[in-house]
Amino acid sequence: MQVLKVKRYRMQVRDVPVVYEVCGSGQPLILVHGLSGSTRWWYSNIQALSEHFQLYIIDLIGFGENRSGSRFALSEAAIHLYNWLGALKIERACFIGHSMGGHIVAELAADHPEKVERMILVDPAIYLPVSRLISPRHALNLALTIRYLPPNFWPILLQDARHAGPVTLFNAARELLSAHIEEKVGEIKVPTMLVWGEHDPLVPLSSGHRLKRHMPQAVFKLIKGAGHVPMVEQPALFNRLALNFLGPGATPS
């Protein structure tokens, strides 16, 4: 297997700091992590995906290596992503967004469908069960999330959460709870695949079924035995599903 060369870049787009990695060649595919995540959450996927696409893997403001002092704002994330694409002269791309990243990608597709060729939303934080997030069971739900992750990923999870810090995590979670993009989501025409972990304790399968009802054109794929981070928990299956959907000639079925 050829050694994958990943290059990291830093830039300012309209005074907004952007940190991202690039690897592979071909059609652009943008990977957007979730709450407390970073580019490292995709490291089990980039080898397979980069054989068919040029990957752009972003660290959102306040996360990963993008800790410049600027504050993350969910309401501005999709437009920042749009502006960054413009700065890179990327006219159109495929996207994969996980959790909060799925929320951001869905909003981009709703507001600027001309930029999105196809998208995969992985356990997207769109229909959130508020009772789970604000109840005393939330700590238990977080513990259950770790249960499904491979042990070698635990240090990444903990380090990325520490890098983001409690203020950024709390504010982003609060914005997710108050954001309502249901009407936008229902109008999306971009070819979409929803991927859900069977045992996701944070954004449960019931949220996935609800989202599918509002996006009847979307393909829905359940990854059995997975939790909230199926691309890490079952990368081989996730990579195969992603390539089948995004690859040349792929047709939703």
C-alpha atoms as a PDB file:
ATOM      1  CA  MET A   1       0.000   0.000   0.000  1.00  0.00           C
ATOM      2  CA  GLN A   2       1.345   3.403  -0.987  1.00  0.00           C
ATOM      3  CA  VAL A   3       2.178   5.763   1.869  1.00  0.00           C
ATOM      4  CA  LEU A   4      -0.480   8.469   2.027  1.00  0.00           C
ATOM      5  CA  LYS A   5       0.842  12.024   1.927  1.00  0.00           C
ATOM      6  CA  VAL A   6      -1.274  14.417   3.944  1.00  0.00           C
ATOM      7  CA  LYS A   7      -0.520  18.147   3.853  1.00  0.00           C
ATOM      8  CA  ARG A   8      -1.790  20.593   6.479  1.00  0.00           C
ATOM      9  CA  TYR A   9      -2.650  24.200   5.631  1.00  0.00           C
ATOM     10  CA  ARG A  10      -3.618  27.322   7.563  1.00  0.00           C
ATOM     11  CA  MET A  11      -5.293  30.330   6.005  1.00  0.00           C
ATOM     12  CA  GLN A  12      -7.534  33.288   6.731  1.00  0.00           C
ATOM     13  CA  VAL A  13     -10.790  33.616   4.806  1.00  0.00           C
ATOM     14  CA  ARG A  14     -12.439  37.001   5.441  1.00  0.00           C
ATOM     15  CA  ASP A  15     -10.619  37.186   8.791  1.00  0.00           C
ATOM     16  CA  VAL A  16     -11.829  33.695   9.738  1.00  0.00           C
ATOM     17  CA  PRO A  17      -9.073  31.153  10.547  1.00  0.00           C
ATOM     18  CA  VAL A  18      -9.206  27.860   8.664  1.00  0.00           C
ATOM     19  CA  VAL A  19      -7.046  24.792   9.303  1.00  0.00           C
ATOM     20  CA  TYR A  20      -7.371  21.849   6.946  1.00  0.00           C
ATOM     21  CA  GLU A  21      -5.569  18.853   5.490  1.00  0.00           C
ATOM     22  CA  VAL A  22      -5.429  17.711   1.874  1.00  0.00           C
ATOM     23  CA  CYS A  23      -4.605  14.318   0.393  1.00  0.00           C
ATOM     24  CA  GLY A  24      -5.463  12.174  -2.605  1.00  0.00           C
ATOM     25  CA  SER A  25      -6.506  13.280  -6.071  1.00  0.00           C
ATOM     26  CA  GLY A  26      -9.645  13.545  -8.133  1.00  0.00           C
ATOM     27  CA  GLN A  27     -13.006  15.130  -7.418  1.00  0.00           C
ATOM     28  CA  PRO A  28     -13.018  17.126  -4.148  1.00  0.00           C
ATOM     29  CA  LEU A  29     -14.576  15.467  -1.099  1.00  0.00           C
ATOM     30  CA  ILE A  30     -14.937  17.586   2.059  1.00  0.00           C
ATOM     31  CA  LEU A  31     -14.943  15.898   5.496  1.00  0.00           C
ATOM     32  CA  VAL A  32     -16.492  17.866   8.372  1.00  0.00           C
ATOM     33  CA  HIS A  33     -16.147  16.567  11.946  1.00  0.00           C
ATOM     34  CA  GLY A  34     -18.625  16.821  14.796  1.00  0.00           C
ATOM     35  CA  LEU A  35     -18.721  18.333  18.261  1.00  0.00           C
ATOM     36  CA  SER A  36     -15.376  17.873  20.082  1.00  0.00           C
ATOM     37  CA  GLY A  37     -13.914  16.305  16.932  1.00  0.00           C
ATOM     38  CA  SER A  38     -11.044  17.142  14.587  1.00  0.00           C
ATOM     39  CA  THR A  39      -9.420  15.985  11.363  1.00  0.00           C
ATOM     40  CA  ARG A  40      -8.146  12.971  13.303  1.00  0.00           C
ATOM     41  CA  TRP A  41     -11.639  11.496  13.505  1.00  0.00           C
ATOM     42  CA  TRP A  42     -11.360  10.584   9.812  1.00  0.00           C
ATOM     43  CA  TYR A  43      -7.975   8.867   9.918  1.00  0.00           C
ATOM     44  CA  SER A  44      -9.562   5.389   9.528  1.00  0.00           C
ATOM     45  CA  ASN A  45     -11.238   6.541   6.323  1.00  0.00           C
ATOM     46  CA  ILE A  46      -8.817   8.747   4.414  1.00  0.00           C
ATOM     47  CA  GLN A  47      -6.695   5.946   2.948  1.00  0.00           C
ATOM     48  CA  ALA A  48      -9.683   4.325   1.230  1.00  0.00           C
ATOM     49  CA  LEU A  49     -11.424   7.573   0.275  1.00  0.00           C
ATOM     50  CA  SER A  50      -8.295   9.287  -1.041  1.00  0.00           C
ATOM     51  CA  GLU A  51      -7.841   6.569  -3.660  1.00  0.00           C
ATOM     52  CA  HIS A  52     -10.881   8.023  -5.442  1.00  0.00           C
ATOM     53  CA  PHE A  53     -11.125  11.652  -4.267  1.00  0.00           C
ATOM     54  CA  GLN A  54      -9.040  14.620  -3.298  1.00  0.00           C
ATOM     55  CA  LEU A  55      -9.894  14.984   0.371  1.00  0.00           C
ATOM     56  CA  TYR A  56     -10.190  18.291   2.196  1.00  0.00           C
ATOM     57  CA  ILE A  57     -10.451  17.578   5.928  1.00  0.00           C
ATOM     58  CA  ILE A  58     -11.265  20.627   8.003  1.00  0.00           C
ATOM     59  CA  ASP A  59     -10.790  21.594  11.641  1.00  0.00           C
ATOM     60  CA  LEU A  60     -13.723  23.827  12.570  1.00  0.00           C
ATOM     61  CA  ILE A  61     -13.031  27.007  14.544  1.00  0.00           C
ATOM     62  CA  GLY A  62     -12.125  26.161  18.136  1.00  0.00           C
ATOM     63  CA  PHE A  63     -11.491  22.475  17.433  1.00  0.00           C
ATOM     64  CA  GLY A  64      -8.445  20.360  16.635  1.00  0.00           C
ATOM     65  CA  GLU A  65      -5.556  22.579  15.541  1.00  0.00           C
ATOM     66  CA  ASN A  66      -7.801  25.564  14.792  1.00  0.00           C
ATOM     67  CA  ARG A  67      -7.509  27.190  18.214  1.00  0.00           C
ATOM     68  CA  SER A  68      -6.761  30.768  17.222  1.00  0.00           C
ATOM     69  CA  GLY A  69      -8.901  32.514  19.815  1.00  0.00           C
ATOM     70  CA  SER A  70     -11.859  32.948  17.466  1.00  0.00           C
ATOM     71  CA  ARG A  71     -15.171  31.695  18.812  1.00  0.00           C
ATOM     72  CA  PHE A  72     -17.102  28.909  17.120  1.00  0.00           C
ATOM     73  CA  ALA A  73     -20.638  29.885  16.133  1.00  0.00           C
ATOM     74  CA  LEU A  74     -22.891  27.212  14.664  1.00  0.00           C
ATOM     75  CA  SER A  75     -25.073  29.815  12.953  1.00  0.00           C
ATOM     76  CA  GLU A  76     -22.041  31.019  10.963  1.00  0.00           C
ATOM     77  CA  ALA A  77     -20.380  27.655  10.251  1.00  0.00           C
ATOM     78  CA  ALA A  78     -22.096  26.905   6.935  1.00  0.00           C
ATOM     79  CA  ILE A  79     -21.322  30.336   5.485  1.00  0.00           C
ATOM     80  CA  HIS A  80     -17.689  30.036   6.652  1.00  0.00           C
ATOM     81  CA  LEU A  81     -17.544  26.692   4.835  1.00  0.00           C
ATOM     82  CA  TYR A  82     -19.026  28.310   1.728  1.00  0.00           C
ATOM     83  CA  ASN A  83     -16.487  31.154   1.822  1.00  0.00           C
ATOM     84  CA  TRP A  84     -13.615  28.699   2.307  1.00  0.00           C
ATOM     85  CA  LEU A  85     -14.714  26.742  -0.777  1.00  0.00           C
ATOM     86  CA  GLY A  86     -14.698  30.001  -2.701  1.00  0.00           C
ATOM     87  CA  ALA A  87     -11.189  30.848  -1.515  1.00  0.00           C
ATOM     88  CA  LEU A  88     -10.004  27.435  -2.734  1.00  0.00           C
ATOM     89  CA  LYS A  89     -11.901  27.904  -6.011  1.00  0.00           C
ATOM     90  CA  ILE A  90     -13.838  24.695  -5.423  1.00  0.00           C
ATOM     91  CA  GLU A  91     -16.982  25.120  -7.506  1.00  0.00           C
ATOM     92  CA  ARG A  92     -18.681  21.882  -6.476  1.00  0.00           C
ATOM     93  CA  ALA A  93     -17.788  18.989  -4.165  1.00  0.00           C
ATOM     94  CA  CYS A  94     -19.056  15.939  -2.338  1.00  0.00           C
ATOM     95  CA  PHE A  95     -19.362  16.158   1.449  1.00  0.00           C
ATOM     96  CA  ILE A  96     -19.379  13.887   4.471  1.00  0.00           C
ATOM     97  CA  GLY A  97     -20.449  15.456   7.766  1.00  0.00           C
ATOM     98  CA  HIS A  98     -20.588  13.734  11.133  1.00  0.00           C
ATOM     99  CA  SER A  99     -22.922  14.771  13.973  1.00  0.00           C
ATOM    100  CA  MET A 100     -22.598  18.569  14.265  1.00  0.00           C
ATOM    101  CA  GLY A 101     -20.679  18.469  10.981  1.00  0.00           C
ATOM    102  CA  GLY A 102     -23.713  16.796   9.416  1.00  0.00           C
ATOM    103  CA  HIS A 103     -25.857  19.671  10.633  1.00  0.00           C
ATOM    104  CA  ILE A 104     -23.457  22.155   9.018  1.00  0.00           C
ATOM    105  CA  VAL A 105     -23.252  20.268   5.715  1.00  0.00           C
ATOM    106  CA  ALA A 106     -27.049  19.935   5.550  1.00  0.00           C
ATOM    107  CA  GLU A 107     -27.408  23.682   6.074  1.00  0.00           C
ATOM    108  CA  LEU A 108     -24.870  24.348   3.325  1.00  0.00           C
ATOM    109  CA  ALA A 109     -26.785  22.051   0.963  1.00  0.00           C
ATOM    110  CA  ALA A 110     -30.031  23.828   1.766  1.00  0.00           C
ATOM    111  CA  ASP A 111     -28.624  27.336   1.295  1.00  0.00           C
ATOM    112  CA  HIS A 112     -26.139  26.658  -1.535  1.00  0.00           C
ATOM    113  CA  PRO A 113     -27.148  23.449  -3.345  1.00  0.00           C
ATOM    114  CA  GLU A 114     -24.992  24.439  -6.311  1.00  0.00           C
ATOM    115  CA  LYS A 115     -21.921  23.680  -4.180  1.00  0.00           C
ATOM    116  CA  VAL A 116     -22.934  20.145  -3.175  1.00  0.00           C
ATOM    117  CA  GLU A 117     -22.714  17.253  -5.647  1.00  0.00           C
ATOM    118  CA  ARG A 118     -23.649  14.563  -3.110  1.00  0.00           C
ATOM    119  CA  MET A 119     -23.529  14.372   0.656  1.00  0.00           C
ATOM    120  CA  ILE A 120     -23.381  11.767   3.395  1.00  0.00           C
ATOM    121  CA  LEU A 121     -24.742  12.739   6.799  1.00  0.00           C
ATOM    122  CA  VAL A 122     -23.413  10.483   9.553  1.00  0.00           C
ATOM    123  CA  ASP A 123     -25.612  10.504  12.675  1.00  0.00           C
ATOM    124  CA  PRO A 124     -26.259  14.213  11.985  1.00  0.00           C
ATOM    125  CA  ALA A 125     -27.232  16.402  14.938  1.00  0.00           C
ATOM    126  CA  ILE A 126     -30.412  17.767  13.365  1.00  0.00           C
ATOM    127  CA  TYR A 127     -33.300  16.216  15.296  1.00  0.00           C
ATOM    128  CA  LEU A 128     -31.873  16.145  18.807  1.00  0.00           C
ATOM    129  CA  PRO A 129     -33.728  14.574  21.738  1.00  0.00           C
ATOM    130  CA  VAL A 130     -33.448  17.491  24.177  1.00  0.00           C
ATOM    131  CA  SER A 131     -34.426  15.338  27.136  1.00  0.00           C
ATOM    132  CA  ARG A 132     -31.376  13.139  26.606  1.00  0.00           C
ATOM    133  CA  LEU A 133     -28.976  16.060  26.370  1.00  0.00           C
ATOM    134  CA  ILE A 134     -30.123  17.997  29.423  1.00  0.00           C
ATOM    135  CA  SER A 135     -31.034  15.110  31.710  1.00  0.00           C
ATOM    136  CA  PRO A 136     -28.780  13.461  34.320  1.00  0.00           C
ATOM    137  CA  ARG A 137     -28.524  10.540  31.886  1.00  0.00           C
ATOM    138  CA  HIS A 138     -26.372  12.614  29.527  1.00  0.00           C
ATOM    139  CA  ALA A 139     -23.164  11.556  31.300  1.00  0.00           C
ATOM    140  CA  LEU A 140     -24.279   7.944  30.927  1.00  0.00           C
ATOM    141  CA  ASN A 141     -24.981   8.490  27.230  1.00  0.00           C
ATOM    142  CA  LEU A 142     -21.445   9.847  26.777  1.00  0.00           C
ATOM    143  CA  ALA A 143     -20.049   6.799  28.548  1.00  0.00           C
ATOM    144  CA  LEU A 144     -22.082   4.545  26.272  1.00  0.00           C
ATOM    145  CA  THR A 145     -20.616   6.366  23.270  1.00  0.00           C
ATOM    146  CA  ILE A 146     -17.102   5.455  24.388  1.00  0.00           C
ATOM    147  CA  ARG A 147     -18.196   1.856  24.792  1.00  0.00           C
ATOM    148  CA  TYR A 148     -18.542   1.388  21.028  1.00  0.00           C
ATOM    149  CA  LEU A 149     -15.270   3.092  20.110  1.00  0.00           C
ATOM    150  CA  PRO A 150     -12.052   1.088  19.701  1.00  0.00           C
ATOM    151  CA  PRO A 151      -9.730   1.625  22.707  1.00  0.00           C
ATOM    152  CA  ASN A 152      -6.996   3.120  20.506  1.00  0.00           C
ATOM    153  CA  PHE A 153      -9.381   5.978  19.675  1.00  0.00           C
ATOM    154  CA  TRP A 154     -10.061   6.946  23.300  1.00  0.00           C
ATOM    155  CA  PRO A 155      -6.921   9.140  23.607  1.00  0.00           C
ATOM    156  CA  ILE A 156      -7.960  11.063  20.462  1.00  0.00           C
ATOM    157  CA  LEU A 157     -11.459  11.588  21.844  1.00  0.00           C
ATOM    158  CA  LEU A 158     -10.161  12.847  25.185  1.00  0.00           C
ATOM    159  CA  GLN A 159      -7.412  15.017  23.707  1.00  0.00           C
ATOM    160  CA  ASP A 160      -9.730  16.682  21.192  1.00  0.00           C
ATOM    161  CA  ALA A 161     -12.303  17.397  23.900  1.00  0.00           C
ATOM    162  CA  ARG A 162      -9.559  18.927  26.050  1.00  0.00           C
ATOM    163  CA  HIS A 163      -8.291  21.039  23.144  1.00  0.00           C
ATOM    164  CA  ALA A 164     -11.765  22.415  22.444  1.00  0.00           C
ATOM    165  CA  GLY A 165     -12.367  23.124  26.115  1.00  0.00           C
ATOM    166  CA  PRO A 166     -15.599  23.141  28.124  1.00  0.00           C
ATOM    167  CA  VAL A 167     -16.698  26.629  27.029  1.00  0.00           C
ATOM    168  CA  THR A 168     -16.568  25.840  23.296  1.00  0.00           C
ATOM    169  CA  LEU A 169     -18.216  22.459  23.826  1.00  0.00           C
ATOM    170  CA  PHE A 170     -20.988  23.868  26.002  1.00  0.00           C
ATOM    171  CA  ASN A 171     -21.735  26.786  23.685  1.00  0.00           C
ATOM    172  CA  ALA A 172     -21.771  24.584  20.572  1.00  0.00           C
ATOM    173  CA  ALA A 173     -24.063  22.053  22.261  1.00  0.00           C
ATOM    174  CA  ARG A 174     -26.401  24.836  23.362  1.00  0.00           C
ATOM    175  CA  GLU A 175     -26.537  26.212  19.805  1.00  0.00           C
ATOM    176  CA  LEU A 176     -27.328  22.753  18.443  1.00  0.00           C
ATOM    177  CA  LEU A 177     -30.263  22.481  20.828  1.00  0.00           C
ATOM    178  CA  SER A 178     -31.666  25.855  19.816  1.00  0.00           C
ATOM    179  CA  ALA A 179     -31.045  25.539  16.062  1.00  0.00           C
ATOM    180  CA  HIS A 180     -34.036  24.582  13.945  1.00  0.00           C
ATOM    181  CA  ILE A 181     -33.302  23.708  10.337  1.00  0.00           C
ATOM    182  CA  GLU A 182     -36.118  21.184   9.887  1.00  0.00           C
ATOM    183  CA  GLU A 183     -37.843  23.283   7.237  1.00  0.00           C
ATOM    184  CA  LYS A 184     -34.575  23.724   5.332  1.00  0.00           C
ATOM    185  CA  VAL A 185     -33.798  20.011   5.502  1.00  0.00           C
ATOM    186  CA  GLY A 186     -37.166  19.108   4.043  1.00  0.00           C
ATOM    187  CA  GLU A 187     -36.415  21.177   0.931  1.00  0.00           C
ATOM    188  CA  ILE A 188     -32.993  19.655   0.174  1.00  0.00           C
ATOM    189  CA  LYS A 189     -32.833  18.034  -3.272  1.00  0.00           C
ATOM    190  CA  VAL A 190     -29.126  17.122  -3.205  1.00  0.00           C
ATOM    191  CA  PRO A 191     -28.525  13.341  -3.443  1.00  0.00           C
ATOM    192  CA  THR A 192     -28.085  12.303   0.178  1.00  0.00           C
ATOM    193  CA  MET A 193     -27.198   9.212   2.164  1.00  0.00           C
ATOM    194  CA  LEU A 194     -27.994   9.033   5.871  1.00  0.00           C
ATOM    195  CA  VAL A 195     -25.720   6.692   7.829  1.00  0.00           C
ATOM    196  CA  TRP A 196     -26.721   5.779  11.380  1.00  0.00           C
ATOM    197  CA  GLY A 197     -25.153   3.724  14.121  1.00  0.00           C
ATOM    198  CA  GLU A 198     -27.669   1.226  15.477  1.00  0.00           C
ATOM    199  CA  HIS A 199     -26.906   2.007  19.108  1.00  0.00           C
ATOM    200  CA  ASP A 200     -26.196   5.754  18.953  1.00  0.00           C
ATOM    201  CA  PRO A 201     -26.985   7.023  22.492  1.00  0.00           C
ATOM    202  CA  LEU A 202     -26.571  10.728  21.639  1.00  0.00           C
ATOM    203  CA  VAL A 203     -28.523  11.074  18.373  1.00  0.00           C
ATOM    204  CA  PRO A 204     -30.615   7.898  18.534  1.00  0.00           C
ATOM    205  CA  LEU A 205     -31.964   5.833  15.692  1.00  0.00           C
ATOM    206  CA  SER A 206     -35.417   7.349  16.215  1.00  0.00           C
ATOM    207  CA  SER A 207     -33.929  10.709  15.159  1.00  0.00           C
ATOM    208  CA  GLY A 208     -32.620   9.036  12.025  1.00  0.00           C
ATOM    209  CA  HIS A 209     -36.016   7.638  11.115  1.00  0.00           C
ATOM    210  CA  ARG A 210     -37.584  11.051  11.719  1.00  0.00           C
ATOM    211  CA  LEU A 211     -35.015  12.717   9.466  1.00  0.00           C
ATOM    212  CA  LYS A 212     -35.608  10.104   6.759  1.00  0.00           C
ATOM    213  CA  ARG A 213     -39.322  10.941   6.779  1.00  0.00           C
ATOM    214  CA  HIS A 214     -38.435  14.586   6.076  1.00  0.00           C
ATOM    215  CA  MET A 215     -35.929  13.572   3.391  1.00  0.00           C
ATOM    216  CA  PRO A 216     -37.797  10.822   1.513  1.00  0.00           C
ATOM    217  CA  GLN A 217     -35.355  11.020  -1.393  1.00  0.00           C
ATOM    218  CA  ALA A 218     -32.398  10.110   0.857  1.00  0.00           C
ATOM    219  CA  VAL A 219     -30.812   6.670   1.078  1.00  0.00           C
ATOM    220  CA  PHE A 220     -30.784   5.338   4.652  1.00  0.00           C
ATOM    221  CA  LYS A 221     -28.060   2.931   5.785  1.00  0.00           C
ATOM    222  CA  LEU A 222     -27.978   1.383   9.260  1.00  0.00           C
ATOM    223  CA  ILE A 223     -24.633   0.188  10.619  1.00  0.00           C
ATOM    224  CA  LYS A 224     -25.481  -2.551  13.076  1.00  0.00           C
ATOM    225  CA  GLY A 225     -23.485  -2.762  16.268  1.00  0.00           C
ATOM    226  CA  ALA A 226     -22.187   0.810  15.903  1.00  0.00           C
ATOM    227  CA  GLY A 227     -22.736   3.789  18.171  1.00  0.00           C
ATOM    228  CA  HIS A 228     -22.378   7.505  17.459  1.00  0.00           C
ATOM    229  CA  VAL A 229     -19.149   7.342  15.419  1.00  0.00           C
ATOM    230  CA  PRO A 230     -19.633   4.530  12.868  1.00  0.00           C
ATOM    231  CA  MET A 231     -16.831   5.714  10.574  1.00  0.00           C
ATOM    232  CA  VAL A 232     -14.408   5.004  13.441  1.00  0.00           C
ATOM    233  CA  GLU A 233     -16.176   2.005  14.939  1.00  0.00           C
ATOM    234  CA  GLN A 234     -16.669   0.099  11.664  1.00  0.00           C
ATOM    235  CA  PRO A 235     -14.442   1.876   9.126  1.00  0.00           C
ATOM    236  CA  ALA A 236     -14.287  -0.864   6.478  1.00  0.00           C
ATOM    237  CA  LEU A 237     -18.072  -1.030   6.180  1.00  0.00           C
ATOM    238  CA  PHE A 238     -18.422   2.742   6.330  1.00  0.00           C
ATOM    239  CA  ASN A 239     -15.794   3.263   3.628  1.00  0.00           C
ATOM    240  CA  ARG A 240     -17.516   0.759   1.358  1.00  0.00           C
ATOM    241  CA  LEU A 241     -20.913   2.410   1.818  1.00  0.00           C
ATOM    242  CA  ALA A 242     -19.437   5.857   1.213  1.00  0.00           C
ATOM    243  CA  LEU A 243     -17.596   4.864  -1.966  1.00  0.00           C
ATOM    244  CA  ASN A 244     -20.609   3.016  -3.349  1.00  0.00           C
ATOM    245  CA  PHE A 245     -22.716   6.118  -2.903  1.00  0.00           C
ATOM    246  CA  LEU A 246     -20.197   8.782  -3.900  1.00  0.00           C
ATOM    247  CA  GLY A 247     -18.362   6.912  -6.598  1.00  0.00           C
ATOM    248  CA  PRO A 248     -18.768   7.554 -10.340  1.00  0.00           C
ATOM    249  CA  GLY A 249     -22.108   6.313 -11.589  1.00  0.00           C
ATOM    250  CA  ALA A 250     -23.461   5.735  -8.088  1.00  0.00           C
ATOM    251  CA  THR A 251     -27.225   5.929  -7.945  1.00  0.00           C
ATOM    252  CA  PRO A 252     -29.298   6.065  -4.729  1.00  0.00           C
ATOM    253  CA  SER A 253     -31.206   2.858  -4.194  1.00  0.00           C
END
